[in-house]
């Protein structure tokens, strides 16, 4: 016996179809992501200075948070520090931040665009002091020429920008 009346099923299926197909923004071209960084370089520097300073002050080993989780994920910050960090990320119109201590020092990552379904997907991150080893190669990493339906292997690359910032891309089938 079905819990949903028969006449309501088509509406539910239509909503599910709409949500699963129509709500994902297409992957932006790499040039758009790069332009966004250079137009907002001072704002990225502000996030880096503040977040890395807090990482050192509070000995943060690793934390990833969306802005609505910051209260719980970084409870050791003062209200003023938390407000400044939120404002610096919102100034970029981004929604999350990863802070990590690595051998190179403070690593930061801010998601620009992502499209995930379970453990598969793609992501563009702006990363300060990246640990991605594969450097961008325009011939190998021409994202407009890849047949994504046939791409069965994960790959990633990092494209250096300036001041230790880079664009990191990950494809995970």
C-alpha atoms as a PDB file:
ATOM      1  CA  UNK A   1       0.000   0.000   0.000  1.00  0.00           C
ATOM      2  CA  UNK A   2       1.386   3.410  -0.978  1.00  0.00           C
ATOM      3  CA  UNK A   3       1.580   6.184   1.569  1.00  0.00           C
ATOM      4  CA  UNK A   4       1.264   8.878  -1.094  1.00  0.00           C
ATOM      5  CA  UNK A   5      -2.113   9.174  -2.841  1.00  0.00           C
ATOM      6  CA  UNK A   6      -1.873   8.391  -6.539  1.00  0.00           C
ATOM      7  CA  UNK A   7      -2.944  11.868  -7.673  1.00  0.00           C
ATOM      8  CA  UNK A   8      -0.057  13.506  -5.714  1.00  0.00           C
ATOM      9  CA  UNK A   9       2.708  11.288  -7.162  1.00  0.00           C
ATOM     10  CA  UNK A  10       3.070  13.129 -10.506  1.00  0.00           C
ATOM     11  CA  UNK A  11       3.516  16.438  -8.713  1.00  0.00           C
ATOM     12  CA  UNK A  12       6.153  14.941  -6.403  1.00  0.00           C
ATOM     13  CA  UNK A  13       7.970  13.337  -9.337  1.00  0.00           C
ATOM     14  CA  UNK A  14       7.908  16.608 -11.256  1.00  0.00           C
ATOM     15  CA  UNK A  15       9.387  18.487  -8.304  1.00  0.00           C
ATOM     16  CA  UNK A  16      12.068  15.818  -7.830  1.00  0.00           C
ATOM     17  CA  UNK A  17      12.946  15.953 -11.539  1.00  0.00           C
ATOM     18  CA  UNK A  18      13.189  19.744 -11.409  1.00  0.00           C
ATOM     19  CA  UNK A  19      15.412  19.677  -8.330  1.00  0.00           C
ATOM     20  CA  UNK A  20      17.738  17.029  -9.737  1.00  0.00           C
ATOM     21  CA  UNK A  21      18.173  18.591 -13.177  1.00  0.00           C
ATOM     22  CA  UNK A  22      17.431  22.286 -13.153  1.00  0.00           C
ATOM     23  CA  UNK A  23      19.116  23.708 -10.096  1.00  0.00           C
ATOM     24  CA  UNK A  24      22.785  23.197 -10.898  1.00  0.00           C
ATOM     25  CA  UNK A  25      24.662  26.108 -12.365  1.00  0.00           C
ATOM     26  CA  UNK A  26      26.931  25.031 -15.224  1.00  0.00           C
ATOM     27  CA  UNK A  27      30.670  24.967 -14.573  1.00  0.00           C
ATOM     28  CA  UNK A  28      32.030  28.445 -15.303  1.00  0.00           C
ATOM     29  CA  UNK A  29      34.950  28.790 -17.703  1.00  0.00           C
ATOM     30  CA  UNK A  30      38.357  28.914 -16.039  1.00  0.00           C
ATOM     31  CA  UNK A  31      38.854  32.447 -17.389  1.00  0.00           C
ATOM     32  CA  UNK A  32      35.786  33.620 -15.416  1.00  0.00           C
ATOM     33  CA  UNK A  33      37.163  32.130 -12.200  1.00  0.00           C
ATOM     34  CA  UNK A  34      40.535  33.759 -12.821  1.00  0.00           C
ATOM     35  CA  UNK A  35      38.932  37.145 -13.535  1.00  0.00           C
ATOM     36  CA  UNK A  36      36.929  36.900 -10.310  1.00  0.00           C
ATOM     37  CA  UNK A  37      40.164  36.484  -8.330  1.00  0.00           C
ATOM     38  CA  UNK A  38      41.954  39.433  -9.918  1.00  0.00           C
ATOM     39  CA  UNK A  39      38.918  41.705  -9.466  1.00  0.00           C
ATOM     40  CA  UNK A  40      38.819  40.756  -5.780  1.00  0.00           C
ATOM     41  CA  UNK A  41      42.510  40.362  -4.977  1.00  0.00           C
ATOM     42  CA  UNK A  42      42.416  42.769  -2.024  1.00  0.00           C
ATOM     43  CA  UNK A  43      39.454  40.893  -0.512  1.00  0.00           C
ATOM     44  CA  UNK A  44      41.313  37.584  -0.822  1.00  0.00           C
ATOM     45  CA  UNK A  45      44.304  39.180   0.901  1.00  0.00           C
ATOM     46  CA  UNK A  46      42.013  40.314   3.738  1.00  0.00           C
ATOM     47  CA  UNK A  47      40.625  36.773   4.203  1.00  0.00           C
ATOM     48  CA  UNK A  48      44.168  35.357   4.164  1.00  0.00           C
ATOM     49  CA  UNK A  49      45.519  37.829   6.704  1.00  0.00           C
ATOM     50  CA  UNK A  50      42.602  37.350   9.088  1.00  0.00           C
ATOM     51  CA  UNK A  51      42.135  33.560   8.758  1.00  0.00           C
ATOM     52  CA  UNK A  52      45.851  32.730   8.937  1.00  0.00           C
ATOM     53  CA  UNK A  53      46.252  35.038  11.913  1.00  0.00           C
ATOM     54  CA  UNK A  54      43.410  33.243  13.694  1.00  0.00           C
ATOM     55  CA  UNK A  55      44.856  29.862  12.691  1.00  0.00           C
ATOM     56  CA  UNK A  56      48.135  30.775  14.360  1.00  0.00           C
ATOM     57  CA  UNK A  57      46.547  32.479  17.390  1.00  0.00           C
ATOM     58  CA  UNK A  58      44.254  29.544  18.201  1.00  0.00           C
ATOM     59  CA  UNK A  59      46.512  26.754  16.870  1.00  0.00           C
ATOM     60  CA  UNK A  60      43.845  25.529  14.434  1.00  0.00           C
ATOM     61  CA  UNK A  61      44.973  22.279  12.803  1.00  0.00           C
ATOM     62  CA  UNK A  62      42.004  21.811  10.476  1.00  0.00           C
ATOM     63  CA  UNK A  63      38.508  23.230  10.174  1.00  0.00           C
ATOM     64  CA  UNK A  64      36.016  23.447   7.313  1.00  0.00           C
ATOM     65  CA  UNK A  65      32.823  25.399   7.737  1.00  0.00           C
ATOM     66  CA  UNK A  66      29.993  27.037   5.889  1.00  0.00           C
ATOM     67  CA  UNK A  67      29.154  30.496   7.182  1.00  0.00           C
ATOM     68  CA  UNK A  68      26.087  29.243   9.026  1.00  0.00           C
ATOM     69  CA  UNK A  69      28.304  26.758  10.954  1.00  0.00           C
ATOM     70  CA  UNK A  70      31.039  29.127  12.119  1.00  0.00           C
ATOM     71  CA  UNK A  71      29.622  29.553  15.643  1.00  0.00           C
ATOM     72  CA  UNK A  72      29.982  25.815  16.322  1.00  0.00           C
ATOM     73  CA  UNK A  73      33.126  25.135  14.279  1.00  0.00           C
ATOM     74  CA  UNK A  74      35.153  28.080  15.629  1.00  0.00           C
ATOM     75  CA  UNK A  75      33.678  28.605  19.086  1.00  0.00           C
ATOM     76  CA  UNK A  76      37.053  29.753  20.467  1.00  0.00           C
ATOM     77  CA  UNK A  77      36.917  33.004  18.464  1.00  0.00           C
ATOM     78  CA  UNK A  78      35.622  36.168  20.032  1.00  0.00           C
ATOM     79  CA  UNK A  79      32.400  37.588  18.602  1.00  0.00           C
ATOM     80  CA  UNK A  80      34.404  40.390  16.959  1.00  0.00           C
ATOM     81  CA  UNK A  81      36.855  37.955  15.324  1.00  0.00           C
ATOM     82  CA  UNK A  82      34.012  35.771  14.096  1.00  0.00           C
ATOM     83  CA  UNK A  83      32.121  38.786  12.700  1.00  0.00           C
ATOM     84  CA  UNK A  84      35.234  40.028  10.849  1.00  0.00           C
ATOM     85  CA  UNK A  85      35.904  36.597   9.358  1.00  0.00           C
ATOM     86  CA  UNK A  86      32.279  36.240   8.222  1.00  0.00           C
ATOM     87  CA  UNK A  87      32.316  39.738   6.716  1.00  0.00           C
ATOM     88  CA  UNK A  88      35.562  39.072   4.828  1.00  0.00           C
ATOM     89  CA  UNK A  89      34.123  35.889   3.265  1.00  0.00           C
ATOM     90  CA  UNK A  90      30.768  37.538   2.512  1.00  0.00           C
ATOM     91  CA  UNK A  91      32.601  40.412   0.802  1.00  0.00           C
ATOM     92  CA  UNK A  92      33.606  37.822  -1.804  1.00  0.00           C
ATOM     93  CA  UNK A  93      30.044  36.452  -1.963  1.00  0.00           C
ATOM     94  CA  UNK A  94      31.394  33.013  -1.038  1.00  0.00           C
ATOM     95  CA  UNK A  95      29.971  30.662   1.554  1.00  0.00           C
ATOM     96  CA  UNK A  96      32.667  28.484   3.086  1.00  0.00           C
ATOM     97  CA  UNK A  97      36.270  28.317   4.237  1.00  0.00           C
ATOM     98  CA  UNK A  98      38.783  25.593   5.002  1.00  0.00           C
ATOM     99  CA  UNK A  99      41.713  26.437   7.276  1.00  0.00           C
ATOM    100  CA  UNK A 100      44.475  23.863   7.573  1.00  0.00           C
ATOM    101  CA  UNK A 101      47.966  23.762   9.051  1.00  0.00           C
ATOM    102  CA  UNK A 102      50.417  22.140   6.637  1.00  0.00           C
ATOM    103  CA  UNK A 103      54.195  21.935   6.344  1.00  0.00           C
ATOM    104  CA  UNK A 104      54.000  25.086   4.191  1.00  0.00           C
ATOM    105  CA  UNK A 105      52.092  26.902   6.921  1.00  0.00           C
ATOM    106  CA  UNK A 106      48.527  28.161   6.689  1.00  0.00           C
ATOM    107  CA  UNK A 107      46.476  26.639   3.858  1.00  0.00           C
ATOM    108  CA  UNK A 108      43.132  28.248   3.024  1.00  0.00           C
ATOM    109  CA  UNK A 109      40.479  27.119   0.588  1.00  0.00           C
ATOM    110  CA  UNK A 110      37.290  28.902  -0.493  1.00  0.00           C
ATOM    111  CA  UNK A 111      34.832  27.182  -2.826  1.00  0.00           C
ATOM    112  CA  UNK A 112      33.934  29.227  -5.900  1.00  0.00           C
ATOM    113  CA  UNK A 113      31.775  26.604  -7.659  1.00  0.00           C
ATOM    114  CA  UNK A 114      30.961  22.953  -7.105  1.00  0.00           C
ATOM    115  CA  UNK A 115      28.634  20.296  -8.419  1.00  0.00           C
ATOM    116  CA  UNK A 116      28.520  17.113  -6.329  1.00  0.00           C
ATOM    117  CA  UNK A 117      26.243  14.107  -6.362  1.00  0.00           C
ATOM    118  CA  UNK A 118      27.331  11.790  -3.565  1.00  0.00           C
ATOM    119  CA  UNK A 119      31.089  11.345  -3.893  1.00  0.00           C
ATOM    120  CA  UNK A 120      31.178  12.323  -7.578  1.00  0.00           C
ATOM    121  CA  UNK A 121      31.510  15.812  -8.903  1.00  0.00           C
ATOM    122  CA  UNK A 122      33.660  18.782  -9.739  1.00  0.00           C
ATOM    123  CA  UNK A 123      34.860  21.780  -7.792  1.00  0.00           C
ATOM    124  CA  UNK A 124      36.747  25.044  -8.294  1.00  0.00           C
ATOM    125  CA  UNK A 125      38.469  26.320  -5.152  1.00  0.00           C
ATOM    126  CA  UNK A 126      40.555  29.395  -4.508  1.00  0.00           C
ATOM    127  CA  UNK A 127      43.435  28.077  -2.441  1.00  0.00           C
ATOM    128  CA  UNK A 128      46.139  29.887  -0.512  1.00  0.00           C
ATOM    129  CA  UNK A 129      49.353  27.788  -0.401  1.00  0.00           C
ATOM    130  CA  UNK A 130      47.878  24.872  -2.322  1.00  0.00           C
ATOM    131  CA  UNK A 131      49.063  21.313  -1.835  1.00  0.00           C
ATOM    132  CA  UNK A 132      47.868  20.189  -5.300  1.00  0.00           C
ATOM    133  CA  UNK A 133      50.960  18.958  -7.133  1.00  0.00           C
ATOM    134  CA  UNK A 134      49.674  18.986 -10.741  1.00  0.00           C
ATOM    135  CA  UNK A 135      50.218  22.364 -12.372  1.00  0.00           C
ATOM    136  CA  UNK A 136      47.696  23.601 -14.918  1.00  0.00           C
ATOM    137  CA  UNK A 137      48.538  22.622 -18.503  1.00  0.00           C
ATOM    138  CA  UNK A 138      46.274  24.317 -21.086  1.00  0.00           C
ATOM    139  CA  UNK A 139      46.556  21.352 -23.470  1.00  0.00           C
ATOM    140  CA  UNK A 140      45.830  18.626 -20.884  1.00  0.00           C
ATOM    141  CA  UNK A 141      43.306  20.599 -18.859  1.00  0.00           C
ATOM    142  CA  UNK A 142      41.178  22.201 -21.569  1.00  0.00           C
ATOM    143  CA  UNK A 143      37.862  21.620 -19.789  1.00  0.00           C
ATOM    144  CA  UNK A 144      35.806  22.505 -22.868  1.00  0.00           C
ATOM    145  CA  UNK A 145      37.361  19.627 -24.856  1.00  0.00           C
ATOM    146  CA  UNK A 146      36.839  16.816 -22.320  1.00  0.00           C
ATOM    147  CA  UNK A 147      34.023  14.309 -22.878  1.00  0.00           C
ATOM    148  CA  UNK A 148      32.785  14.211 -19.277  1.00  0.00           C
ATOM    149  CA  UNK A 149      30.495  11.241 -19.934  1.00  0.00           C
ATOM    150  CA  UNK A 150      33.589   9.164 -20.800  1.00  0.00           C
ATOM    151  CA  UNK A 151      35.859  10.557 -18.086  1.00  0.00           C
ATOM    152  CA  UNK A 152      36.313   7.685 -15.628  1.00  0.00           C
ATOM    153  CA  UNK A 153      39.443   8.894 -13.839  1.00  0.00           C
ATOM    154  CA  UNK A 154      39.803  11.530 -11.168  1.00  0.00           C
ATOM    155  CA  UNK A 155      42.095  14.403 -11.944  1.00  0.00           C
ATOM    156  CA  UNK A 156      43.005  17.732 -10.476  1.00  0.00           C
ATOM    157  CA  UNK A 157      45.156  20.709 -11.285  1.00  0.00           C
ATOM    158  CA  UNK A 158      46.284  23.959  -9.756  1.00  0.00           C
ATOM    159  CA  UNK A 159      46.615  27.214 -11.688  1.00  0.00           C
ATOM    160  CA  UNK A 160      48.787  29.775  -9.903  1.00  0.00           C
ATOM    161  CA  UNK A 161      47.390  33.298  -9.633  1.00  0.00           C
ATOM    162  CA  UNK A 162      49.422  35.626  -7.375  1.00  0.00           C
ATOM    163  CA  UNK A 163      50.497  36.105  -3.759  1.00  0.00           C
ATOM    164  CA  UNK A 164      50.440  32.294  -3.135  1.00  0.00           C
ATOM    165  CA  UNK A 165      46.805  32.013  -4.297  1.00  0.00           C
ATOM    166  CA  UNK A 166      45.747  29.542  -6.966  1.00  0.00           C
ATOM    167  CA  UNK A 167      42.671  28.068  -8.590  1.00  0.00           C
ATOM    168  CA  UNK A 168      42.394  24.364  -7.792  1.00  0.00           C
ATOM    169  CA  UNK A 169      40.100  22.146  -9.862  1.00  0.00           C
ATOM    170  CA  UNK A 170      39.041  18.605  -8.996  1.00  0.00           C
ATOM    171  CA  UNK A 171      37.043  16.135 -11.072  1.00  0.00           C
ATOM    172  CA  UNK A 172      35.927  12.966  -9.288  1.00  0.00           C
ATOM    173  CA  UNK A 173      33.769  10.581 -11.383  1.00  0.00           C
END
